[in-house]
C-alpha cells in the first residue's frame, strides 16, 4: 500500500517498510506512533484527510542533522553575525498502512 502522510508541517509519500526522517516527535525509541493525518491511501483522496485511515510507525532513532551556518550582515554598517543551527529529527519505519 502507498500513502501520503502529513507530520511536522510536511508531507511524505510512504510505503510499508520505508524509513523516513521527520521533524522530532516526542516518543521513546522502539515505541510505536500512529499518524492520523493521511491525505491519500491507494486511490482514496481525502478532503483534506481520509476518514478512518492511519499509518503505524516504529521509532528507530532520534538525532540532529548537519550544522548549517547562518550569516547576517549589513553593508557599510560593521554588523556581522554568525549563528549555527542543527535541526533535530526522528527516524521512523513504516509498519502498517490502514485505510
N, C-alpha and C. Protein backbone atom coordinates (compact mmCIF):
# COMPACT_ATOMS: atom_id res chain seq x y z
N UNK A 1 0.84 -1.19 0.00
CA UNK A 1 0.00 0.00 0.00
C UNK A 1 0.88 1.25 0.00
N UNK A 2 0.34 2.30 -0.54
CA UNK A 2 1.02 3.58 -0.61
C UNK A 2 0.15 4.64 0.04
N UNK A 3 0.79 5.62 0.64
CA UNK A 3 0.04 6.68 1.31
C UNK A 3 0.85 7.97 1.30
N UNK A 4 0.13 9.07 1.47
CA UNK A 4 0.75 10.37 1.69
C UNK A 4 0.31 10.82 3.07
N UNK A 5 1.31 11.06 3.95
CA UNK A 5 1.00 11.46 5.32
C UNK A 5 1.53 12.87 5.56
N UNK A 6 1.01 13.49 6.60
CA UNK A 6 1.45 14.83 6.99
C UNK A 6 1.89 14.80 8.44
N UNK A 7 3.12 15.24 8.68
CA UNK A 7 3.63 15.37 10.04
C UNK A 7 4.70 16.45 10.07
N UNK A 8 4.68 17.24 11.11
CA UNK A 8 5.66 18.32 11.22
C UNK A 8 5.51 19.40 10.17
N UNK A 9 4.30 19.55 9.61
CA UNK A 9 4.08 20.58 8.60
C UNK A 9 4.56 20.19 7.22
N UNK A 10 4.99 18.94 7.03
CA UNK A 10 5.48 18.47 5.73
C UNK A 10 4.71 17.22 5.33
N UNK A 11 4.72 16.93 4.04
CA UNK A 11 4.03 15.75 3.52
C UNK A 11 5.06 14.74 3.03
N UNK A 12 4.78 13.46 3.28
CA UNK A 12 5.69 12.38 2.91
C UNK A 12 4.93 11.30 2.16
N UNK A 13 5.50 10.81 1.06
CA UNK A 13 4.94 9.71 0.29
C UNK A 13 5.61 8.44 0.80
N UNK A 14 4.84 7.52 1.37
CA UNK A 14 5.41 6.36 2.03
C UNK A 14 4.76 5.06 1.55
N UNK A 15 5.52 3.99 1.69
CA UNK A 15 5.02 2.63 1.51
C UNK A 15 5.43 1.84 2.75
N UNK A 16 4.92 0.63 2.90
CA UNK A 16 5.27 -0.17 4.06
C UNK A 16 6.75 -0.54 4.01
N UNK A 17 7.38 -0.60 5.18
CA UNK A 17 8.80 -0.92 5.39
C UNK A 17 9.74 0.19 4.91
N UNK A 18 9.23 1.40 4.67
CA UNK A 18 10.08 2.55 4.36
C UNK A 18 10.64 3.13 5.65
N UNK A 19 11.80 3.80 5.56
CA UNK A 19 12.33 4.58 6.67
C UNK A 19 12.34 6.04 6.23
N UNK A 20 11.76 6.89 7.05
CA UNK A 20 11.70 8.32 6.73
C UNK A 20 12.24 9.13 7.91
N UNK A 21 12.78 10.29 7.61
CA UNK A 21 13.26 11.22 8.62
C UNK A 21 12.28 12.38 8.68
N UNK A 22 11.68 12.60 9.87
CA UNK A 22 10.67 13.63 10.05
C UNK A 22 11.12 14.57 11.17
N UNK A 23 10.37 15.67 11.32
CA UNK A 23 10.62 16.57 12.44
C UNK A 23 10.50 15.79 13.75
N UNK A 24 11.18 16.23 14.78
CA UNK A 24 11.25 15.48 16.03
C UNK A 24 9.87 15.22 16.62
N UNK A 25 9.65 13.95 17.01
CA UNK A 25 8.41 13.51 17.66
C UNK A 25 8.79 13.07 19.07
N UNK A 26 8.01 13.50 20.06
CA UNK A 26 8.30 13.12 21.44
C UNK A 26 7.77 11.71 21.70
N UNK A 27 8.61 10.72 21.43
CA UNK A 27 8.26 9.32 21.67
C UNK A 27 9.56 8.56 21.95
N UNK A 28 9.47 7.50 22.73
CA UNK A 28 10.63 6.69 23.08
C UNK A 28 11.10 5.90 21.85
N UNK A 29 12.40 5.62 21.81
CA UNK A 29 12.95 4.78 20.76
C UNK A 29 12.41 3.36 20.95
N UNK A 30 11.90 2.77 19.88
CA UNK A 30 11.32 1.44 19.94
C UNK A 30 9.81 1.44 20.11
N UNK A 31 9.22 2.57 20.44
CA UNK A 31 7.76 2.63 20.61
C UNK A 31 7.09 2.82 19.26
N UNK A 32 5.78 2.62 19.24
CA UNK A 32 5.01 2.78 18.01
C UNK A 32 4.22 4.09 18.07
N UNK A 33 4.16 4.76 16.94
CA UNK A 33 3.45 6.03 16.80
C UNK A 33 2.41 5.87 15.70
N UNK A 34 1.21 6.36 15.93
CA UNK A 34 0.15 6.31 14.92
C UNK A 34 -0.07 7.71 14.36
N UNK A 35 0.00 7.82 13.05
CA UNK A 35 -0.22 9.10 12.37
C UNK A 35 -1.59 9.05 11.72
N UNK A 36 -2.48 9.99 12.12
CA UNK A 36 -3.85 10.00 11.63
C UNK A 36 -4.05 10.97 10.46
N UNK A 37 -3.10 11.84 10.21
CA UNK A 37 -3.24 12.81 9.13
C UNK A 37 -2.78 12.17 7.82
N UNK A 38 -3.69 11.43 7.20
CA UNK A 38 -3.41 10.73 5.96
C UNK A 38 -4.17 11.44 4.84
N UNK A 39 -3.45 11.90 3.82
CA UNK A 39 -4.06 12.66 2.73
C UNK A 39 -4.49 11.77 1.58
N UNK A 40 -3.84 10.60 1.42
CA UNK A 40 -4.08 9.74 0.27
C UNK A 40 -3.72 8.30 0.63
N UNK A 41 -4.61 7.34 0.30
CA UNK A 41 -4.33 5.92 0.51
C UNK A 41 -4.84 5.15 -0.69
N UNK A 42 -3.93 4.59 -1.50
CA UNK A 42 -4.27 3.72 -2.64
C UNK A 42 -5.49 4.17 -3.42
N UNK A 43 -5.47 5.38 -3.92
CA UNK A 43 -6.55 5.88 -4.76
C UNK A 43 -7.64 6.63 -4.02
N UNK A 44 -7.69 6.52 -2.68
CA UNK A 44 -8.67 7.27 -1.90
C UNK A 44 -8.09 8.62 -1.56
N UNK A 45 -8.69 9.66 -2.05
CA UNK A 45 -8.23 11.01 -1.80
C UNK A 45 -9.12 11.65 -0.76
N UNK A 46 -8.53 12.24 0.28
CA UNK A 46 -9.30 12.85 1.35
C UNK A 46 -9.51 14.33 1.13
N UNK A 47 -10.47 14.90 1.83
CA UNK A 47 -10.74 16.33 1.78
C UNK A 47 -10.80 16.91 3.17
N UNK A 48 -9.76 17.30 3.84
CA UNK A 48 -8.36 17.17 3.46
C UNK A 48 -7.76 15.82 3.85
N UNK A 49 -8.34 15.11 4.83
CA UNK A 49 -7.78 13.83 5.28
C UNK A 49 -8.75 12.69 4.98
N UNK A 50 -8.19 11.50 4.77
CA UNK A 50 -9.01 10.31 4.53
C UNK A 50 -9.60 9.87 5.87
N UNK A 51 -10.94 9.78 5.98
CA UNK A 51 -11.53 9.38 7.26
C UNK A 51 -11.24 7.91 7.58
N UNK A 52 -10.84 7.64 8.81
CA UNK A 52 -10.58 6.28 9.26
C UNK A 52 -9.23 5.72 8.85
N UNK A 53 -8.42 6.47 8.13
CA UNK A 53 -7.10 5.98 7.70
C UNK A 53 -6.03 6.37 8.72
N UNK A 54 -5.04 5.50 8.88
CA UNK A 54 -3.93 5.79 9.78
C UNK A 54 -2.70 5.03 9.33
N UNK A 55 -1.55 5.46 9.80
CA UNK A 55 -0.28 4.82 9.50
C UNK A 55 0.41 4.53 10.82
N UNK A 56 0.82 3.28 11.02
CA UNK A 56 1.51 2.88 12.24
C UNK A 56 3.01 2.86 11.94
N UNK A 57 3.79 3.58 12.76
CA UNK A 57 5.23 3.70 12.56
C UNK A 57 5.96 3.28 13.83
N UNK A 58 7.19 2.81 13.67
CA UNK A 58 8.06 2.48 14.80
C UNK A 58 9.20 3.49 14.83
N UNK A 59 9.50 4.02 16.02
CA UNK A 59 10.56 5.00 16.17
C UNK A 59 11.90 4.25 16.19
N UNK A 60 12.77 4.56 15.23
CA UNK A 60 14.07 3.90 15.12
C UNK A 60 15.13 4.65 15.93
N UNK A 61 15.23 5.97 15.73
CA UNK A 61 16.23 6.75 16.45
C UNK A 61 15.88 8.23 16.40
N UNK A 62 16.54 8.97 17.28
CA UNK A 62 16.47 10.43 17.29
C UNK A 62 17.88 10.95 17.00
N UNK A 63 17.97 12.16 16.49
CA UNK A 63 19.28 12.73 16.22
C UNK A 63 19.17 14.17 15.78
N UNK A 64 20.32 14.69 15.30
CA UNK A 64 20.37 16.05 14.79
C UNK A 64 21.03 16.03 13.41
N UNK A 65 20.53 16.88 12.51
CA UNK A 65 21.11 16.99 11.17
C UNK A 65 22.46 17.69 11.23
N UNK A 66 23.09 17.79 10.06
CA UNK A 66 24.35 18.51 9.97
C UNK A 66 24.14 19.98 10.29
N UNK A 67 25.18 20.62 10.82
CA UNK A 67 25.08 22.02 11.20
C UNK A 67 25.06 22.90 9.95
N UNK A 68 24.14 23.87 9.97
CA UNK A 68 24.13 24.89 8.94
C UNK A 68 24.57 26.20 9.57
N UNK A 69 25.23 27.02 8.79
CA UNK A 69 25.68 28.32 9.28
C UNK A 69 24.78 29.41 8.73
N UNK A 70 24.38 30.31 9.64
CA UNK A 70 23.54 31.44 9.29
C UNK A 70 24.41 32.68 9.46
N UNK A 71 24.62 33.41 8.38
CA UNK A 71 25.46 34.60 8.42
C UNK A 71 24.64 35.81 8.02
N UNK A 72 24.57 36.80 8.92
CA UNK A 72 23.83 38.02 8.65
C UNK A 72 24.82 39.19 8.64
N UNK A 73 24.59 40.13 7.75
CA UNK A 73 25.41 41.32 7.77
C UNK A 73 24.68 42.47 7.12
N UNK A 74 25.09 43.67 7.49
CA UNK A 74 24.57 44.89 6.88
C UNK A 74 25.74 45.60 6.20
N UNK A 75 25.63 45.85 4.93
CA UNK A 75 26.74 46.51 4.25
C UNK A 75 26.99 47.93 4.80
N UNK A 76 28.24 48.26 4.95
CA UNK A 76 28.71 49.58 5.37
C UNK A 76 28.35 49.95 6.80
N UNK A 77 27.88 48.99 7.61
CA UNK A 77 27.45 49.29 8.98
C UNK A 77 28.26 48.54 10.03
N UNK A 78 29.24 47.74 9.64
CA UNK A 78 30.07 46.95 10.55
C UNK A 78 29.24 45.99 11.41
N UNK A 79 28.17 45.47 10.83
CA UNK A 79 27.33 44.49 11.53
C UNK A 79 27.52 43.14 10.88
N UNK A 80 28.04 42.19 11.65
CA UNK A 80 28.21 40.82 11.18
C UNK A 80 27.83 39.88 12.31
N UNK A 81 27.04 38.86 11.98
CA UNK A 81 26.60 37.92 13.00
C UNK A 81 26.59 36.52 12.38
N UNK A 82 27.23 35.57 13.06
CA UNK A 82 27.25 34.19 12.59
C UNK A 82 26.57 33.31 13.63
N UNK A 83 25.67 32.46 13.17
CA UNK A 83 25.00 31.51 14.04
C UNK A 83 25.06 30.14 13.40
N UNK A 84 24.94 29.11 14.24
CA UNK A 84 24.84 27.75 13.74
C UNK A 84 23.53 27.15 14.20
N UNK A 85 23.03 26.18 13.44
CA UNK A 85 21.76 25.54 13.80
C UNK A 85 21.81 24.07 13.39
N UNK A 86 21.36 23.19 14.29
CA UNK A 86 21.22 21.76 13.99
C UNK A 86 19.78 21.36 14.27
N UNK A 87 19.07 20.96 13.23
CA UNK A 87 17.66 20.62 13.36
C UNK A 87 17.50 19.19 13.89
N UNK A 88 16.74 19.00 14.98
CA UNK A 88 16.50 17.64 15.48
C UNK A 88 15.54 16.88 14.57
N UNK A 89 15.73 15.56 14.48
CA UNK A 89 14.87 14.73 13.65
C UNK A 89 14.55 13.41 14.36
N UNK A 90 13.57 12.69 13.82
CA UNK A 90 13.22 11.35 14.28
C UNK A 90 13.16 10.45 13.05
N UNK A 91 13.78 9.29 13.13
CA UNK A 91 13.74 8.32 12.05
C UNK A 91 12.60 7.34 12.35
N UNK A 92 11.68 7.19 11.40
CA UNK A 92 10.53 6.31 11.56
C UNK A 92 10.57 5.19 10.52
N UNK A 93 10.14 4.00 10.91
CA UNK A 93 9.94 2.90 9.98
C UNK A 93 8.44 2.65 9.87
N UNK A 94 7.93 2.62 8.64
CA UNK A 94 6.50 2.44 8.41
C UNK A 94 6.18 0.95 8.58
N UNK A 95 5.34 0.63 9.54
CA UNK A 95 4.96 -0.75 9.82
C UNK A 95 3.72 -1.17 9.04
N UNK A 96 2.65 -0.38 9.15
CA UNK A 96 1.37 -0.77 8.55
C UNK A 96 0.59 0.46 8.12
N UNK A 97 -0.06 0.35 6.98
CA UNK A 97 -0.92 1.42 6.48
C UNK A 97 -2.35 0.92 6.52
N UNK A 98 -3.18 1.56 7.35
CA UNK A 98 -4.59 1.19 7.49
C UNK A 98 -5.43 2.17 6.70
N UNK A 99 -6.31 1.68 5.89
CA UNK A 99 -7.13 2.62 5.15
C UNK A 99 -8.12 1.91 4.36
